[in-house]
Structures are given as C-alpha cells and as structure tokens.
Amino acid sequence: MTDLTLILIRGLPGSGKSTLAKKLITDSSHKLIHLEADMFFIDDEGVYLFQPSMLKQAHDWCQKQCRELLKAGQSVVVSNTFVKQWEMKVYRDLAELYNATLKIKTCTGQYENIHDVPVLTIKNMKKNWQS
C-alpha cells in the first residue's frame, strides 16, 4: 500500500516553489501530482493570463483539485505563496481528512519572478510572512 502524502511548498514569488515541486515529482518513489493556483490562469494554448479579480476562484479550484486527488488516493504537491499560516488550513484539514502525511517545505531561493509580481507586492508579502 502506498502512503498518501500532501506536500505544501511555500515561499515568496521567485523563491523556487515550482522548481522544487518539479524536483520532488522527478525524485519521488511514487507518483505526485503538482497543483498551484497559477494553473487556473493558463489557457488552452498554455498562455498564462493572470486576472486578479479571479484569485479567489483560482485558490478554490486548487483546493478542490487537491481534495479530489487525495480522495482518489493520489499524493499531491501544492506550491503557492502561503504567506500566512491560515492560508494552509484547508490543506491541513484535507491531509487530516484523508489520513495523508503532511509535509511543509519553505523556499527561500532567488530565481526569476516568472509571473512579473510587482516588487512592492513582494515586499509586502515578505513583511507579512508568518513562519
């Protein structure tokens, strides 16, 4: 029997969350599915079209996908900023509900900010960061 795992990767934009998720998927001994709210904004041609007014829907989508995968017995890695501890609560609850091992990893690297998040936004996120 494969152990069900939920890995949360948190960090500021450009800290290496997606890079770590890809590495974990490659290195894992069992299949992991990667989710992040940004995936909600990728169109059918693979183009990223961020719409700030739809951010809540994007996070709801990510949580729903995670729930469905865990329910089906699939391990998941979710990478989002998770600046505040409460932002991980839904995922903590899902891990408990589906008896999944929860692992939380924090990225602090300095990579390219691929989604062009404004510097002021990143500074505010850093100021509000909860360990």
C-alpha atoms as a PDB file:
ATOM      1  CA  MET A   1       0.000   0.000   0.000  1.00  0.00           C
ATOM      2  CA  THR A   2       1.313   3.424  -0.957  1.00  0.00           C
ATOM      3  CA  ASP A   3       1.328   6.107   1.712  1.00  0.00           C
ATOM      4  CA  LEU A   4      -0.808   9.106   0.812  1.00  0.00           C
ATOM      5  CA  THR A   5       1.189  12.324   1.024  1.00  0.00           C
ATOM      6  CA  LEU A   6       0.348  16.007   0.751  1.00  0.00           C
ATOM      7  CA  ILE A   7       3.339  18.303   0.354  1.00  0.00           C
ATOM      8  CA  LEU A   8       2.855  22.066   0.662  1.00  0.00           C
ATOM      9  CA  ILE A   9       5.586  24.269  -0.768  1.00  0.00           C
ATOM     10  CA  ARG A  10       5.522  27.876   0.369  1.00  0.00           C
ATOM     11  CA  GLY A  11       7.635  30.912  -0.422  1.00  0.00           C
ATOM     12  CA  LEU A  12       7.678  34.345  -1.968  1.00  0.00           C
ATOM     13  CA  PRO A  13       7.392  34.761  -5.747  1.00  0.00           C
ATOM     14  CA  GLY A  14      10.672  33.751  -7.349  1.00  0.00           C
ATOM     15  CA  SER A  15      11.804  31.643  -4.367  1.00  0.00           C
ATOM     16  CA  GLY A  16      11.855  28.330  -6.265  1.00  0.00           C
ATOM     17  CA  LYS A  17       8.498  26.759  -5.389  1.00  0.00           C
ATOM     18  CA  SER A  18       7.740  25.415  -8.866  1.00  0.00           C
ATOM     19  CA  THR A  19      11.341  24.289  -9.315  1.00  0.00           C
ATOM     20  CA  LEU A  20      11.208  22.325  -6.063  1.00  0.00           C
ATOM     21  CA  ALA A  21       7.817  20.822  -6.986  1.00  0.00           C
ATOM     22  CA  LYS A  22       9.235  19.558 -10.292  1.00  0.00           C
ATOM     23  CA  LYS A  23      12.253  18.084  -8.491  1.00  0.00           C
ATOM     24  CA  LEU A  24      10.048  16.317  -5.942  1.00  0.00           C
ATOM     25  CA  ILE A  25       7.913  14.835  -8.707  1.00  0.00           C
ATOM     26  CA  THR A  26      11.003  13.584 -10.545  1.00  0.00           C
ATOM     27  CA  ASP A  27      12.689  12.200  -7.411  1.00  0.00           C
ATOM     28  CA  SER A  28       9.600  10.671  -5.790  1.00  0.00           C
ATOM     29  CA  SER A  29       9.297   6.905  -5.478  1.00  0.00           C
ATOM     30  CA  HIS A  30       5.544   7.241  -6.005  1.00  0.00           C
ATOM     31  CA  LYS A  31       3.524   9.425  -8.347  1.00  0.00           C
ATOM     32  CA  LEU A  32       2.903  13.010  -7.218  1.00  0.00           C
ATOM     33  CA  ILE A  33       0.552  15.450  -8.911  1.00  0.00           C
ATOM     34  CA  HIS A  34       1.583  19.122  -8.828  1.00  0.00           C
ATOM     35  CA  LEU A  35      -1.012  21.839  -8.276  1.00  0.00           C
ATOM     36  CA  GLU A  36      -0.814  25.584  -7.804  1.00  0.00           C
ATOM     37  CA  ALA A  37      -3.409  28.338  -8.063  1.00  0.00           C
ATOM     38  CA  ASP A  38      -1.495  29.864 -11.005  1.00  0.00           C
ATOM     39  CA  MET A  39      -2.517  26.854 -13.115  1.00  0.00           C
ATOM     40  CA  PHE A  40      -6.066  28.220 -13.099  1.00  0.00           C
ATOM     41  CA  PHE A  41      -4.847  31.132 -15.249  1.00  0.00           C
ATOM     42  CA  ILE A  42      -3.258  29.050 -18.021  1.00  0.00           C
ATOM     43  CA  ASP A  43      -5.379  28.949 -21.161  1.00  0.00           C
ATOM     44  CA  ASP A  44      -5.747  26.059 -23.627  1.00  0.00           C
ATOM     45  CA  GLU A  45      -2.653  27.211 -25.556  1.00  0.00           C
ATOM     46  CA  GLY A  46      -0.533  27.252 -22.398  1.00  0.00           C
ATOM     47  CA  VAL A  47      -0.508  31.044 -22.061  1.00  0.00           C
ATOM     48  CA  TYR A  48      -0.581  32.498 -18.527  1.00  0.00           C
ATOM     49  CA  LEU A  49      -3.318  35.158 -18.258  1.00  0.00           C
ATOM     50  CA  PHE A  50      -3.474  36.362 -14.653  1.00  0.00           C
ATOM     51  CA  GLN A  51      -6.716  38.053 -13.610  1.00  0.00           C
ATOM     52  CA  PRO A  52      -6.532  39.489 -10.059  1.00  0.00           C
ATOM     53  CA  SER A  53     -10.328  39.552  -9.763  1.00  0.00           C
ATOM     54  CA  MET A  54     -10.356  35.745 -10.140  1.00  0.00           C
ATOM     55  CA  LEU A  55      -7.737  34.961  -7.489  1.00  0.00           C
ATOM     56  CA  LYS A  56     -10.273  33.538  -5.020  1.00  0.00           C
ATOM     57  CA  GLN A  57     -11.673  31.253  -7.729  1.00  0.00           C
ATOM     58  CA  ALA A  58      -8.121  30.128  -8.544  1.00  0.00           C
ATOM     59  CA  HIS A  59      -7.453  29.139  -4.932  1.00  0.00           C
ATOM     60  CA  ASP A  60     -10.865  27.455  -4.667  1.00  0.00           C
ATOM     61  CA  TRP A  61     -10.053  25.495  -7.847  1.00  0.00           C
ATOM     62  CA  CYS A  62      -6.663  24.415  -6.462  1.00  0.00           C
ATOM     63  CA  GLN A  63      -8.215  23.270  -3.172  1.00  0.00           C
ATOM     64  CA  LYS A  64     -10.967  21.364  -4.994  1.00  0.00           C
ATOM     65  CA  GLN A  65      -8.439  19.620  -7.261  1.00  0.00           C
ATOM     66  CA  CYS A  66      -6.363  18.664  -4.227  1.00  0.00           C
ATOM     67  CA  ARG A  67      -9.431  17.294  -2.430  1.00  0.00           C
ATOM     68  CA  GLU A  68     -10.450  15.177  -5.436  1.00  0.00           C
ATOM     69  CA  LEU A  69      -6.943  13.780  -5.910  1.00  0.00           C
ATOM     70  CA  LEU A  70      -6.494  12.878  -2.240  1.00  0.00           C
ATOM     71  CA  LYS A  71      -9.967  11.325  -2.190  1.00  0.00           C
ATOM     72  CA  ALA A  72      -8.895   9.163  -5.146  1.00  0.00           C
ATOM     73  CA  GLY A  73      -5.779   8.053  -3.252  1.00  0.00           C
ATOM     74  CA  GLN A  74      -3.358  10.240  -5.214  1.00  0.00           C
ATOM     75  CA  SER A  75      -0.489  12.059  -3.465  1.00  0.00           C
ATOM     76  CA  VAL A  76      -0.248  15.776  -4.197  1.00  0.00           C
ATOM     77  CA  VAL A  77       2.275  18.590  -4.027  1.00  0.00           C
ATOM     78  CA  VAL A  78       0.796  22.108  -3.834  1.00  0.00           C
ATOM     79  CA  SER A  79       3.006  25.132  -4.394  1.00  0.00           C
ATOM     80  CA  ASN A  80       1.604  28.543  -3.505  1.00  0.00           C
ATOM     81  CA  THR A  81       2.958  31.503  -1.575  1.00  0.00           C
ATOM     82  CA  PHE A  82       1.122  30.614   1.681  1.00  0.00           C
ATOM     83  CA  VAL A  83       2.362  33.854   3.280  1.00  0.00           C
ATOM     84  CA  LYS A  84       0.027  33.487   6.280  1.00  0.00           C
ATOM     85  CA  GLN A  85      -0.365  30.268   8.251  1.00  0.00           C
ATOM     86  CA  TRP A  86      -4.170  30.320   7.876  1.00  0.00           C
ATOM     87  CA  GLU A  87      -3.749  30.005   4.084  1.00  0.00           C
ATOM     88  CA  MET A  88      -2.613  26.414   4.602  1.00  0.00           C
ATOM     89  CA  LYS A  89      -5.514  25.466   6.904  1.00  0.00           C
ATOM     90  CA  VAL A  90      -7.709  23.987   4.151  1.00  0.00           C
ATOM     91  CA  TYR A  91      -4.824  21.774   3.074  1.00  0.00           C
ATOM     92  CA  ARG A  92      -4.000  20.775   6.651  1.00  0.00           C
ATOM     93  CA  ASP A  93      -7.644  19.774   7.090  1.00  0.00           C
ATOM     94  CA  LEU A  94      -7.593  17.793   3.827  1.00  0.00           C
ATOM     95  CA  ALA A  95      -4.484  15.913   4.919  1.00  0.00           C
ATOM     96  CA  GLU A  96      -6.196  15.009   8.188  1.00  0.00           C
ATOM     97  CA  LEU A  97      -9.471  14.066   6.475  1.00  0.00           C
ATOM     98  CA  TYR A  98      -7.761  11.693   4.028  1.00  0.00           C
ATOM     99  CA  ASN A  99      -5.137  10.480   6.506  1.00  0.00           C
ATOM    100  CA  ALA A 100      -2.333  11.833   4.327  1.00  0.00           C
ATOM    101  CA  THR A 101       1.142  12.559   5.641  1.00  0.00           C
ATOM    102  CA  LEU A 102       1.537  16.354   5.540  1.00  0.00           C
ATOM    103  CA  LYS A 103       4.923  17.853   4.726  1.00  0.00           C
ATOM    104  CA  ILE A 104       5.544  21.598   4.529  1.00  0.00           C
ATOM    105  CA  LYS A 105       8.601  22.954   2.748  1.00  0.00           C
ATOM    106  CA  THR A 106       9.669  26.602   2.558  1.00  0.00           C
ATOM    107  CA  CYS A 107      11.618  28.006  -0.386  1.00  0.00           C
ATOM    108  CA  THR A 108      13.939  30.970   0.075  1.00  0.00           C
ATOM    109  CA  GLY A 109      15.856  30.928  -3.211  1.00  0.00           C
ATOM    110  CA  GLN A 110      16.393  33.816  -5.601  1.00  0.00           C
ATOM    111  CA  TYR A 111      15.025  32.840  -9.005  1.00  0.00           C
ATOM    112  CA  GLU A 112      13.384  34.741 -11.826  1.00  0.00           C
ATOM    113  CA  ASN A 113       9.955  36.133 -10.945  1.00  0.00           C
ATOM    114  CA  ILE A 114       8.217  34.387 -13.874  1.00  0.00           C
ATOM    115  CA  HIS A 115       4.778  35.911 -13.211  1.00  0.00           C
ATOM    116  CA  ASP A 116       6.018  39.508 -13.023  1.00  0.00           C
ATOM    117  CA  VAL A 117       4.724  40.082  -9.493  1.00  0.00           C
ATOM    118  CA  PRO A 118       5.425  43.752  -8.671  1.00  0.00           C
ATOM    119  CA  VAL A 119       8.376  44.391  -6.350  1.00  0.00           C
ATOM    120  CA  LEU A 120       6.136  46.309  -3.906  1.00  0.00           C
ATOM    121  CA  THR A 121       3.774  43.324  -3.684  1.00  0.00           C
ATOM    122  CA  ILE A 122       6.686  41.014  -2.897  1.00  0.00           C
ATOM    123  CA  LYS A 123       7.986  43.449  -0.248  1.00  0.00           C
ATOM    124  CA  ASN A 124       4.550  43.491   1.392  1.00  0.00           C
ATOM    125  CA  MET A 125       4.375  39.703   1.300  1.00  0.00           C
ATOM    126  CA  LYS A 126       7.813  39.495   2.920  1.00  0.00           C
ATOM    127  CA  LYS A 127       6.746  41.953   5.617  1.00  0.00           C
ATOM    128  CA  ASN A 128       3.605  39.877   6.360  1.00  0.00           C
ATOM    129  CA  TRP A 129       5.379  36.485   6.250  1.00  0.00           C
ATOM    130  CA  GLN A 130       4.463  34.096   9.064  1.00  0.00           C
ATOM    131  CA  SER A 131       6.989  31.362   9.855  1.00  0.00           C
END
